[in-house]
Protein backbone atom coordinates (compact mmCIF):
# COMPACT_ATOMS: atom_id res chain seq x y z
CA MET A 1 -88.91 -35.35 53.00
CA PHE A 2 -86.50 -36.80 50.46
CA GLU A 3 -85.41 -33.55 48.75
CA ASP A 4 -82.37 -31.35 48.87
CA ARG A 5 -79.95 -34.11 47.98
CA PRO A 6 -76.48 -32.60 47.30
CA ASP A 7 -75.48 -33.00 43.62
CA ARG A 8 -72.73 -35.74 43.88
CA GLY A 9 -71.76 -38.55 41.61
CA VAL A 10 -70.89 -41.28 44.20
CA GLU A 11 -72.93 -42.19 47.21
CA ILE A 12 -73.19 -44.72 49.83
CA VAL A 13 -76.58 -45.20 51.71
CA LEU A 14 -77.41 -46.65 55.18
CA LEU A 15 -80.75 -48.35 55.44
CA GLY A 16 -82.37 -50.31 58.35
CA ARG A 17 -85.02 -50.52 60.75
CA SER A 18 -85.42 -47.85 63.42
CA ASN A 19 -83.07 -48.10 66.43
CA VAL A 20 -80.57 -50.50 64.93
CA GLY A 21 -77.55 -48.09 65.11
CA LYS A 22 -77.54 -46.46 61.60
CA SER A 23 -76.75 -43.06 62.89
CA THR A 24 -74.08 -44.25 65.29
CA ILE A 25 -72.37 -46.16 62.33
CA MET A 26 -72.68 -42.88 60.36
CA ARG A 27 -70.94 -40.97 63.09
CA ASN A 28 -68.18 -43.63 63.15
CA LEU A 29 -67.84 -43.32 59.27
CA THR A 30 -67.72 -39.50 59.19
CA GLY A 31 -66.35 -38.30 62.56
CA ARG A 32 -69.10 -35.75 62.72
CA ASP A 33 -71.85 -35.38 65.33
CA VAL A 34 -74.96 -37.27 64.31
CA ALA A 35 -78.21 -37.23 66.30
CA THR A 36 -78.65 -40.57 68.05
CA GLY A 37 -80.95 -41.78 70.88
CA ARG A 38 -82.77 -44.60 72.46
CA ARG A 39 -86.12 -43.63 71.09
CA PRO A 40 -86.68 -45.27 67.56
CA GLY A 41 -87.30 -42.90 64.69
CA VAL A 42 -84.77 -40.05 65.41
CA THR A 43 -83.84 -40.04 61.77
CA THR A 44 -87.07 -39.26 59.87
CA LYS A 45 -85.62 -37.71 56.79
CA PRO A 46 -82.30 -38.36 54.91
CA THR A 47 -79.17 -37.11 56.59
CA TYR A 48 -76.50 -36.16 54.15
CA HIS A 49 -72.72 -36.03 54.92
CA ASP A 50 -71.23 -34.19 51.97
CA TRP A 51 -67.58 -33.59 51.17
CA HIS A 52 -67.56 -30.56 48.89
CA GLU A 53 -63.98 -31.09 47.84
CA GLY A 54 -64.95 -34.57 46.54
CA ASP A 55 -67.82 -36.12 44.58
CA PHE A 56 -68.78 -38.23 47.46
CA LEU A 57 -71.83 -38.49 49.58
CA LEU A 58 -72.82 -40.55 52.68
CA THR A 59 -76.54 -40.76 53.32
CA ASP A 60 -78.47 -41.98 56.20
CA LEU A 61 -81.91 -42.85 55.18
CA PRO A 62 -84.94 -42.81 57.57
CA GLY A 63 -85.42 -45.79 59.74
CA TYR A 64 -88.48 -48.06 58.77
CA GLY A 65 -90.57 -50.21 61.08
CA PHE A 66 -92.48 -49.51 64.22
CA MET A 67 -92.01 -45.91 65.64
CA LYS A 68 -93.83 -45.04 68.84
CA GLY A 69 -96.10 -42.19 68.18
CA THR A 70 -95.91 -42.47 64.35
CA SER A 71 -98.97 -43.47 62.34
CA GLN A 72 -99.04 -46.34 60.08
CA GLU A 73 -99.61 -43.90 57.18
CA ARG A 74 -96.42 -42.15 58.11
CA GLN A 75 -94.48 -45.28 58.40
CA ASP A 76 -95.81 -46.29 54.86
CA THR A 77 -94.79 -42.93 53.56
CA ILE A 78 -91.22 -43.43 54.79
CA ARG A 79 -91.06 -46.91 53.29
CA THR A 80 -92.19 -45.58 49.90
CA GLY A 81 -89.78 -42.70 50.09
CA ILE A 82 -86.81 -45.06 50.64
CA VAL A 83 -87.72 -47.16 47.70
CA ARG A 84 -88.24 -44.11 45.43
CA TYR A 85 -84.88 -42.52 46.69
CA LEU A 86 -82.97 -45.71 45.72
CA GLU A 87 -84.70 -45.95 42.36
CA VAL A 88 -84.11 -42.32 41.48
CA HIS A 89 -80.44 -42.14 42.50
CA ALA A 90 -79.39 -45.78 41.71
CA SER A 91 -76.84 -44.79 39.19
CA SER A 92 -74.92 -42.82 41.71
CA ILE A 93 -75.25 -45.26 44.59
CA VAL A 94 -72.37 -47.73 44.77
CA ALA A 95 -73.25 -49.43 48.06
CA GLY A 96 -76.28 -49.81 50.14
CA VAL A 97 -75.30 -50.73 53.84
CA LEU A 98 -78.33 -52.55 55.33
CA VAL A 99 -77.89 -52.23 59.11
CA LEU A 100 -79.37 -55.15 61.23
CA ASP A 101 -79.67 -55.76 64.92
CA GLY A 102 -77.57 -58.85 65.40
CA ASN A 103 -79.56 -59.69 68.53
CA ALA A 104 -82.88 -59.49 66.85
CA ALA A 105 -82.56 -59.72 63.07
CA ALA A 106 -82.99 -63.44 62.65
CA GLU A 107 -85.98 -63.72 64.93
CA ILE A 108 -87.71 -60.74 63.27
CA ILE A 109 -87.14 -62.34 59.83
CA GLU A 110 -88.33 -65.68 60.78
CA ARG A 111 -91.45 -64.33 62.55
CA HIS A 112 -92.41 -62.36 59.35
CA LEU A 113 -91.83 -65.43 57.10
CA ALA A 114 -93.83 -67.67 59.39
CA ARG A 115 -96.91 -65.56 58.84
CA GLY A 116 -96.39 -65.14 55.17
CA ASP A 117 -95.26 -61.53 55.47
CA PRO A 118 -92.15 -60.81 53.46
CA PRO A 119 -89.68 -59.19 55.63
CA TYR A 120 -88.88 -55.48 54.55
CA ALA A 121 -85.24 -56.15 55.08
CA LEU A 122 -85.19 -58.87 52.52
CA GLU A 123 -87.30 -56.85 50.07
CA LEU A 124 -84.71 -53.92 50.38
CA HIS A 125 -81.87 -56.42 49.83
CA GLU A 126 -83.52 -57.66 46.77
CA LEU A 127 -84.25 -54.10 45.47
CA LEU A 128 -80.60 -53.23 45.95
CA LEU A 129 -79.61 -56.25 43.87
CA GLU A 130 -82.14 -55.37 41.09
CA LEU A 131 -80.94 -51.81 40.96
CA GLN A 132 -77.30 -53.20 40.78
CA ILE A 133 -76.38 -51.41 44.04
CA THR A 134 -73.92 -53.58 46.01
CA PRO A 135 -75.40 -54.54 49.35
CA VAL A 136 -73.47 -54.97 52.66
CA LEU A 137 -75.34 -56.43 55.79
CA ALA A 138 -73.80 -54.43 58.81
CA VAL A 139 -74.88 -56.68 61.59
CA ASN A 140 -74.66 -54.38 64.52
CA LYS A 141 -74.76 -54.82 68.29
CA MET A 142 -72.74 -57.93 68.16
CA ASP A 143 -71.60 -57.37 71.74
CA LYS A 144 -75.09 -58.59 72.77
CA VAL A 145 -75.03 -61.82 70.72
CA ASP A 146 -73.86 -65.07 72.48
CA THR A 147 -73.55 -67.29 69.51
CA ARG A 148 -71.62 -65.09 67.10
CA ASP A 149 -70.88 -67.53 64.18
CA GLU A 150 -74.24 -69.20 64.37
CA THR A 151 -76.15 -65.89 64.40
CA LEU A 152 -74.10 -64.45 61.47
CA ASP A 153 -74.57 -67.86 59.59
CA THR A 154 -78.34 -67.70 60.03
CA ILE A 155 -78.68 -64.03 59.04
CA GLY A 156 -76.48 -64.65 56.03
CA GLU A 157 -78.50 -67.62 54.84
CA HIS A 158 -81.67 -65.51 54.99
CA PHE A 159 -80.24 -63.08 52.57
CA GLY A 160 -78.78 -65.68 50.30
CA TYR A 161 -75.20 -66.00 51.47
CA PRO A 162 -74.61 -69.63 52.42
CA SER A 163 -72.53 -70.37 55.60
CA PRO A 164 -69.98 -70.03 56.64
CA TRP A 165 -70.39 -66.33 56.82
CA GLN A 166 -66.74 -65.71 56.69
CA GLN A 167 -66.55 -66.40 53.12
CA TRP A 168 -68.70 -63.19 52.67
CA SER A 169 -66.45 -60.63 54.24
CA ASP A 170 -67.37 -58.21 51.44
CA ARG A 171 -71.08 -58.65 52.16
CA ILE A 172 -71.42 -59.48 55.85
CA ALA A 173 -69.78 -57.12 58.40
CA PRO A 174 -70.28 -57.62 62.06
CA THR A 175 -70.11 -54.36 64.13
CA VAL A 176 -70.35 -52.78 67.60
CA ALA A 177 -70.99 -49.31 66.48
CA LYS A 178 -71.40 -47.86 70.03
CA ALA A 179 -67.80 -48.86 70.75
CA GLY A 180 -66.46 -47.76 67.47
CA ARG A 181 -65.82 -51.19 66.19
CA ILE A 182 -66.77 -51.05 62.45
CA ASP A 183 -63.49 -52.15 60.71
CA PRO A 184 -65.30 -55.08 58.91
CA LEU A 185 -67.67 -52.60 57.30
CA LEU A 186 -64.83 -50.25 56.39
CA VAL A 187 -62.99 -53.18 54.74
CA ALA A 188 -66.08 -54.03 52.69
CA LEU A 189 -66.66 -50.40 51.67
CA TYR A 190 -62.95 -49.96 50.65
CA SER A 191 -63.28 -53.05 48.48
CA ILE A 192 -66.54 -51.82 46.93
CA LEU A 193 -65.17 -48.29 46.11
CA GLU A 194 -62.05 -49.92 44.58
CA GLU A 195 -63.98 -52.42 42.40
CA ALA A 196 -66.31 -49.50 41.22
CA GLY A 197 -63.24 -47.44 40.24
CA HIS A 198 -63.56 -45.00 42.99
CA GLY A 199 -60.53 -46.05 44.97
CA SER A 200 -59.48 -42.36 45.38
CA LEU A 201 -62.67 -41.72 47.46
CA ARG A 202 -61.69 -44.12 50.14
CA GLY A 203 -59.72 -41.36 51.95
CA TYR A 204 -63.08 -39.88 53.09
CA LEU A 205 -63.68 -42.85 55.22
CA PRO A 206 -61.58 -43.96 58.25
CA ASN A 207 -58.69 -46.27 57.54
CA PRO A 208 -59.50 -49.83 58.96
CA HIS A 209 -55.87 -50.61 59.16
CA GLN A 210 -54.72 -47.79 61.52
């Protein structure tokens, strides 16, 4: 399920629960057709977007969480595969984009915390930090959020980014992927590639300033 990765030295991965808009964000980043849909779990194995003329790879990892018609065993296998993928390829991955549903993320996290069940999103974020992969929270579907700043503050604080969220523009990126509004994410990724010494690879992403 997690095989056949192209041999590339620089990688950005997208992670997140099923149906948060990862594949739509990938379509915006690459300009390529990407399978999307309302049914959770469309992406069940890594999707690679490879530029053969450059040492650069964008990877959409499978969505985790509840997927209708998918057994718990299969869900657990996907989660294990995600962790293993990050561990194996950590030296090449410069950024982990953790895509969240802005309208639901805080409630999901708080519900899990209330019952003593560590939210997987927080665990993934901690894993990225442990592996020295720079995390970015792409808080998607912000068009459905009534209290924008309050919601982003709350989400940020759960991940260890004290409010106001605006001071974390390189870590918190509000997006509306279905409308192509991902400039805050692009700005963050441009910054990360530059800081990692891969500024020349920014040309494979859309220019947020155009």
